[in-house]
């Protein structure tokens, strides 16, 4: 079921549902909790999250200019890595993941 908040699509589908032309919606019972006519109040956090989702959806998933700059740097042999920063990242990831149950492979 699509959810639309102030013109922001929240269902993850990207477009609102449509019904075939020539059909009319069924009458709803306002006392029915599942009725679409029921008013719902949301928090400011939900509004912020909806706005954030809409703004992120408008941006490309990959920054092509950055990818091209990294590719040029690697090809030229000028891309530098920081082994300490990489090691710190592994340690931080292990600390976050260590409380999770381990699966036997």
N, C-alpha and C. Protein backbone atom coordinates (compact mmCIF):
# COMPACT_ATOMS: atom_id res chain seq x y z
N UNK A 1 0.84 -1.17 0.00
CA UNK A 1 0.00 0.00 0.00
C UNK A 1 0.88 1.23 0.00
N UNK A 2 0.74 2.09 -1.00
CA UNK A 2 1.59 3.28 -1.06
C UNK A 2 1.25 4.26 0.05
N UNK A 3 2.27 4.94 0.52
CA UNK A 3 2.10 5.95 1.55
C UNK A 3 2.65 7.25 0.99
N UNK A 4 1.86 8.30 1.08
CA UNK A 4 2.29 9.58 0.56
C UNK A 4 2.13 10.62 1.66
N UNK A 5 3.20 11.30 1.99
CA UNK A 5 3.20 12.30 3.05
C UNK A 5 3.50 13.65 2.44
N UNK A 6 2.51 14.50 2.38
CA UNK A 6 2.69 15.85 1.84
C UNK A 6 3.39 15.83 0.48
N UNK A 7 2.98 14.92 -0.37
CA UNK A 7 3.57 14.83 -1.70
C UNK A 7 4.86 14.04 -1.75
N UNK A 8 5.32 13.48 -0.63
CA UNK A 8 6.55 12.69 -0.58
C UNK A 8 6.17 11.23 -0.54
N UNK A 9 6.61 10.46 -1.51
CA UNK A 9 6.29 9.04 -1.59
C UNK A 9 7.14 8.29 -0.58
N UNK A 10 6.49 7.59 0.36
CA UNK A 10 7.20 6.88 1.42
C UNK A 10 7.15 5.37 1.27
N UNK A 11 6.50 4.85 0.27
CA UNK A 11 6.32 3.41 0.16
C UNK A 11 7.55 2.71 -0.39
N UNK A 12 8.50 3.47 -0.92
CA UNK A 12 9.68 2.84 -1.51
C UNK A 12 9.44 2.40 -2.94
N UNK A 13 8.25 2.57 -3.45
CA UNK A 13 7.92 2.16 -4.80
C UNK A 13 8.25 3.25 -5.82
N UNK A 14 8.30 4.49 -5.38
CA UNK A 14 8.66 5.56 -6.27
C UNK A 14 7.49 6.18 -7.01
N UNK A 15 6.33 5.54 -7.03
CA UNK A 15 5.17 6.14 -7.67
C UNK A 15 3.93 5.72 -6.92
N UNK A 16 2.93 6.54 -7.02
CA UNK A 16 1.68 6.25 -6.32
C UNK A 16 0.92 5.18 -7.07
N UNK A 17 0.14 4.40 -6.33
CA UNK A 17 -0.67 3.37 -6.94
C UNK A 17 -1.81 4.02 -7.71
N UNK A 18 -2.21 3.39 -8.78
CA UNK A 18 -3.31 3.90 -9.57
C UNK A 18 -4.36 2.83 -9.68
N UNK A 19 -5.59 3.26 -9.93
CA UNK A 19 -6.65 2.29 -10.15
C UNK A 19 -7.07 2.42 -11.60
N UNK A 20 -7.61 1.35 -12.17
CA UNK A 20 -8.02 1.41 -13.57
C UNK A 20 -9.04 2.53 -13.79
N UNK A 21 -8.98 3.13 -14.97
CA UNK A 21 -9.92 4.19 -15.28
C UNK A 21 -11.32 3.62 -15.36
N UNK A 22 -12.29 4.42 -14.99
CA UNK A 22 -13.66 3.97 -15.04
C UNK A 22 -14.12 3.29 -13.77
N UNK A 23 -13.23 3.13 -12.79
CA UNK A 23 -13.64 2.51 -11.53
C UNK A 23 -13.78 3.60 -10.49
N UNK A 24 -14.62 3.37 -9.53
CA UNK A 24 -14.79 4.33 -8.45
C UNK A 24 -14.37 3.69 -7.15
N UNK A 25 -13.81 4.47 -6.26
CA UNK A 25 -13.41 3.88 -4.97
C UNK A 25 -14.64 3.49 -4.16
N UNK A 26 -14.46 2.49 -3.31
CA UNK A 26 -15.55 2.02 -2.44
C UNK A 26 -15.76 3.04 -1.33
N UNK A 27 -17.00 3.12 -0.85
CA UNK A 27 -17.30 3.98 0.29
C UNK A 27 -16.61 3.39 1.52
N UNK A 28 -16.10 4.25 2.38
CA UNK A 28 -15.38 3.77 3.56
C UNK A 28 -16.17 4.09 4.82
N UNK A 29 -15.97 3.28 5.82
CA UNK A 29 -16.61 3.46 7.11
C UNK A 29 -15.65 4.26 7.99
N UNK A 30 -15.98 5.50 8.38
CA UNK A 30 -15.06 6.30 9.17
C UNK A 30 -14.72 5.72 10.53
N UNK A 31 -15.51 4.76 11.01
CA UNK A 31 -15.21 4.14 12.31
C UNK A 31 -14.25 2.97 12.16
N UNK A 32 -14.00 2.55 10.92
CA UNK A 32 -13.09 1.43 10.65
C UNK A 32 -11.66 1.92 10.81
N UNK A 33 -10.84 1.28 11.69
CA UNK A 33 -9.45 1.73 11.88
C UNK A 33 -8.62 1.61 10.62
N UNK A 34 -9.02 0.76 9.68
CA UNK A 34 -8.25 0.60 8.44
C UNK A 34 -8.72 1.57 7.36
N UNK A 35 -9.67 2.42 7.67
CA UNK A 35 -10.22 3.36 6.70
C UNK A 35 -9.16 4.38 6.31
N UNK A 36 -9.05 4.66 5.00
CA UNK A 36 -8.06 5.66 4.58
C UNK A 36 -8.42 7.07 4.99
N UNK A 37 -9.65 7.27 5.48
CA UNK A 37 -10.08 8.60 5.89
C UNK A 37 -9.62 8.94 7.31
N UNK A 38 -9.01 8.01 8.00
CA UNK A 38 -8.55 8.27 9.36
C UNK A 38 -7.38 9.24 9.32
N UNK A 39 -7.35 10.17 10.25
CA UNK A 39 -6.27 11.15 10.33
C UNK A 39 -5.12 10.55 11.13
N UNK A 40 -3.90 10.78 10.64
CA UNK A 40 -2.71 10.27 11.31
C UNK A 40 -1.79 11.44 11.57
N UNK A 41 -1.27 11.52 12.77
CA UNK A 41 -0.30 12.55 13.09
C UNK A 41 1.07 11.91 13.15
N UNK A 42 2.04 12.61 12.59
CA UNK A 42 3.40 12.08 12.60
C UNK A 42 4.31 13.04 13.34
N UNK A 43 5.43 12.54 13.74
CA UNK A 43 6.38 13.37 14.48
C UNK A 43 7.22 14.19 13.51
N UNK A 44 7.90 15.16 14.05
CA UNK A 44 8.80 15.97 13.23
C UNK A 44 9.95 15.12 12.70
N UNK A 45 10.30 14.07 13.44
CA UNK A 45 11.36 13.17 12.99
C UNK A 45 10.94 12.44 11.72
N UNK A 46 9.68 11.99 11.68
CA UNK A 46 9.18 11.31 10.49
C UNK A 46 9.17 12.25 9.30
N UNK A 47 8.78 13.49 9.53
CA UNK A 47 8.78 14.48 8.46
C UNK A 47 10.20 14.71 7.96
N UNK A 48 11.14 14.82 8.88
CA UNK A 48 12.54 15.01 8.51
C UNK A 48 13.06 13.82 7.72
N UNK A 49 12.73 12.61 8.18
CA UNK A 49 13.18 11.40 7.47
C UNK A 49 12.58 11.33 6.06
N UNK A 50 11.32 11.72 5.91
CA UNK A 50 10.69 11.72 4.60
C UNK A 50 11.38 12.73 3.68
N UNK A 51 11.71 13.88 4.21
CA UNK A 51 12.41 14.89 3.43
C UNK A 51 13.80 14.42 3.04
N UNK A 52 14.48 13.78 3.97
CA UNK A 52 15.81 13.24 3.70
C UNK A 52 15.75 12.16 2.62
N UNK A 53 14.76 11.28 2.72
CA UNK A 53 14.61 10.23 1.71
C UNK A 53 14.39 10.83 0.34
N UNK A 54 13.57 11.87 0.27
CA UNK A 54 13.29 12.51 -1.02
C UNK A 54 14.55 13.17 -1.57
N UNK A 55 15.32 13.82 -0.72
CA UNK A 55 16.53 14.49 -1.20
C UNK A 55 17.59 13.49 -1.62
N UNK A 56 17.71 12.38 -0.90
CA UNK A 56 18.69 11.36 -1.29
C UNK A 56 18.28 10.65 -2.57
N UNK A 57 16.98 10.46 -2.77
CA UNK A 57 16.51 9.80 -3.98
C UNK A 57 16.82 10.63 -5.22
N UNK A 58 16.95 11.94 -5.05
CA UNK A 58 17.23 12.82 -6.17
C UNK A 58 18.72 12.83 -6.54
N UNK A 59 19.55 12.31 -5.68
CA UNK A 59 21.01 12.31 -5.94
C UNK A 59 21.43 10.98 -6.57
N UNK A 60 22.44 11.01 -7.42
CA UNK A 60 22.93 9.74 -7.98
C UNK A 60 23.60 8.90 -6.90
N UNK A 61 23.51 7.59 -7.04
CA UNK A 61 24.10 6.68 -6.06
C UNK A 61 25.62 6.71 -6.10
N UNK A 62 26.17 7.05 -7.25
CA UNK A 62 27.63 7.05 -7.44
C UNK A 62 28.06 8.43 -7.90
N UNK A 63 29.10 8.97 -7.27
CA UNK A 63 29.67 10.25 -7.67
C UNK A 63 30.68 9.96 -8.80
N UNK A 64 30.21 10.07 -10.03
CA UNK A 64 31.02 9.68 -11.19
C UNK A 64 32.31 10.50 -11.28
N UNK A 65 32.26 11.78 -10.93
CA UNK A 65 33.48 12.60 -10.98
C UNK A 65 34.52 12.09 -10.00
N UNK A 66 34.08 11.68 -8.81
CA UNK A 66 35.04 11.17 -7.82
C UNK A 66 35.63 9.84 -8.29
N UNK A 67 34.79 8.99 -8.87
CA UNK A 67 35.27 7.70 -9.38
C UNK A 67 36.33 7.93 -10.44
N UNK A 68 36.06 8.86 -11.36
CA UNK A 68 37.02 9.14 -12.43
C UNK A 68 38.32 9.72 -11.88
N UNK A 69 38.23 10.59 -10.88
CA UNK A 69 39.44 11.17 -10.27
C UNK A 69 40.26 10.08 -9.58
N UNK A 70 39.60 9.16 -8.87
CA UNK A 70 40.32 8.06 -8.23
C UNK A 70 40.95 7.14 -9.27
N UNK A 71 40.24 6.86 -10.34
CA UNK A 71 40.79 6.00 -11.39
C UNK A 71 42.04 6.64 -12.01
N UNK A 72 41.99 7.95 -12.25
CA UNK A 72 43.17 8.64 -12.81
C UNK A 72 44.34 8.59 -11.83
N UNK A 73 44.05 8.79 -10.55
CA UNK A 73 45.09 8.77 -9.53
C UNK A 73 45.73 7.39 -9.42
N UNK A 74 44.91 6.35 -9.47
CA UNK A 74 45.44 4.98 -9.40
C UNK A 74 46.27 4.68 -10.64
N UNK A 75 45.76 5.05 -11.80
CA UNK A 75 46.48 4.79 -13.06
C UNK A 75 47.81 5.54 -13.10
N UNK A 76 47.85 6.73 -12.52
CA UNK A 76 49.08 7.52 -12.51
C UNK A 76 50.04 7.08 -11.41
N UNK A 77 49.57 6.20 -10.52
CA UNK A 77 50.43 5.73 -9.43
C UNK A 77 50.56 6.74 -8.31
N UNK A 78 49.66 7.69 -8.24
CA UNK A 78 49.75 8.72 -7.20
C UNK A 78 48.73 8.53 -6.08
N UNK A 79 47.93 7.48 -6.15
CA UNK A 79 46.95 7.22 -5.11
C UNK A 79 47.68 6.69 -3.88
N UNK A 80 47.56 7.42 -2.77
CA UNK A 80 48.25 7.03 -1.55
C UNK A 80 47.25 6.44 -0.55
N UNK A 81 47.68 5.39 0.12
CA UNK A 81 46.87 4.79 1.17
C UNK A 81 47.52 5.05 2.51
N UNK A 82 46.72 5.04 3.55
CA UNK A 82 47.22 5.22 4.91
C UNK A 82 46.95 3.91 5.66
N UNK A 83 47.98 3.05 5.79
CA UNK A 83 47.78 1.75 6.44
C UNK A 83 47.21 1.86 7.86
N UNK A 84 47.58 2.89 8.60
CA UNK A 84 47.07 3.05 9.96
C UNK A 84 45.57 3.34 9.93
N UNK A 85 45.13 4.17 8.99
CA UNK A 85 43.72 4.50 8.87
C UNK A 85 42.91 3.25 8.47
N UNK A 86 43.46 2.44 7.58
CA UNK A 86 42.80 1.20 7.17
C UNK A 86 42.69 0.24 8.36
N UNK A 87 43.79 0.10 9.11
CA UNK A 87 43.78 -0.79 10.28
C UNK A 87 42.77 -0.30 11.32
N UNK A 88 42.72 1.01 11.55
CA UNK A 88 41.75 1.56 12.50
C UNK A 88 40.31 1.27 12.05
N UNK A 89 40.07 1.31 10.76
CA UNK A 89 38.76 1.00 10.22
C UNK A 89 38.38 -0.46 10.48
N UNK A 90 39.34 -1.38 10.30
CA UNK A 90 39.08 -2.80 10.58
C UNK A 90 38.78 -3.01 12.07
N UNK A 91 39.54 -2.36 12.94
CA UNK A 91 39.33 -2.50 14.38
C UNK A 91 37.95 -1.95 14.76
N UNK A 92 37.59 -0.79 14.22
CA UNK A 92 36.28 -0.19 14.52
C UNK A 92 35.15 -1.10 14.04
N UNK A 93 35.30 -1.68 12.85
CA UNK A 93 34.27 -2.58 12.33
C UNK A 93 34.15 -3.82 13.20
N UNK A 94 35.26 -4.35 13.65
CA UNK A 94 35.24 -5.53 14.53
C UNK A 94 34.55 -5.22 15.85
N UNK A 95 34.80 -4.04 16.37
CA UNK A 95 34.15 -3.66 17.64
C UNK A 95 32.63 -3.56 17.47
N UNK A 96 32.19 -3.06 16.34
CA UNK A 96 30.76 -2.94 16.09
C UNK A 96 30.15 -4.32 15.87
N UNK A 97 30.84 -5.19 15.16
CA UNK A 97 30.29 -6.49 14.80
C UNK A 97 30.49 -7.56 15.88
N UNK A 98 31.43 -7.39 16.79
CA UNK A 98 31.74 -8.44 17.75
C UNK A 98 30.57 -8.85 18.64
N UNK A 99 29.65 -7.96 19.01
CA UNK A 99 28.53 -8.42 19.84
C UNK A 99 27.52 -9.32 19.09
N UNK A 100 27.58 -9.34 17.79
CA UNK A 100 26.64 -10.14 17.02
C UNK A 100 26.98 -11.63 17.15
N UNK A 101 25.98 -12.49 17.11
CA UNK A 101 26.26 -13.94 17.20
C UNK A 101 27.02 -14.39 15.96
N UNK A 102 27.92 -15.32 16.18
CA UNK A 102 28.74 -15.83 15.08
C UNK A 102 28.08 -17.05 14.48
N UNK A 103 28.10 -17.11 13.18
CA UNK A 103 27.55 -18.27 12.47
C UNK A 103 28.68 -19.21 12.09
N UNK A 104 28.48 -20.48 12.30
CA UNK A 104 29.47 -21.48 11.91
C UNK A 104 29.36 -21.71 10.41
N UNK A 105 30.46 -21.68 9.74
CA UNK A 105 30.47 -21.90 8.28
C UNK A 105 30.76 -23.34 7.96
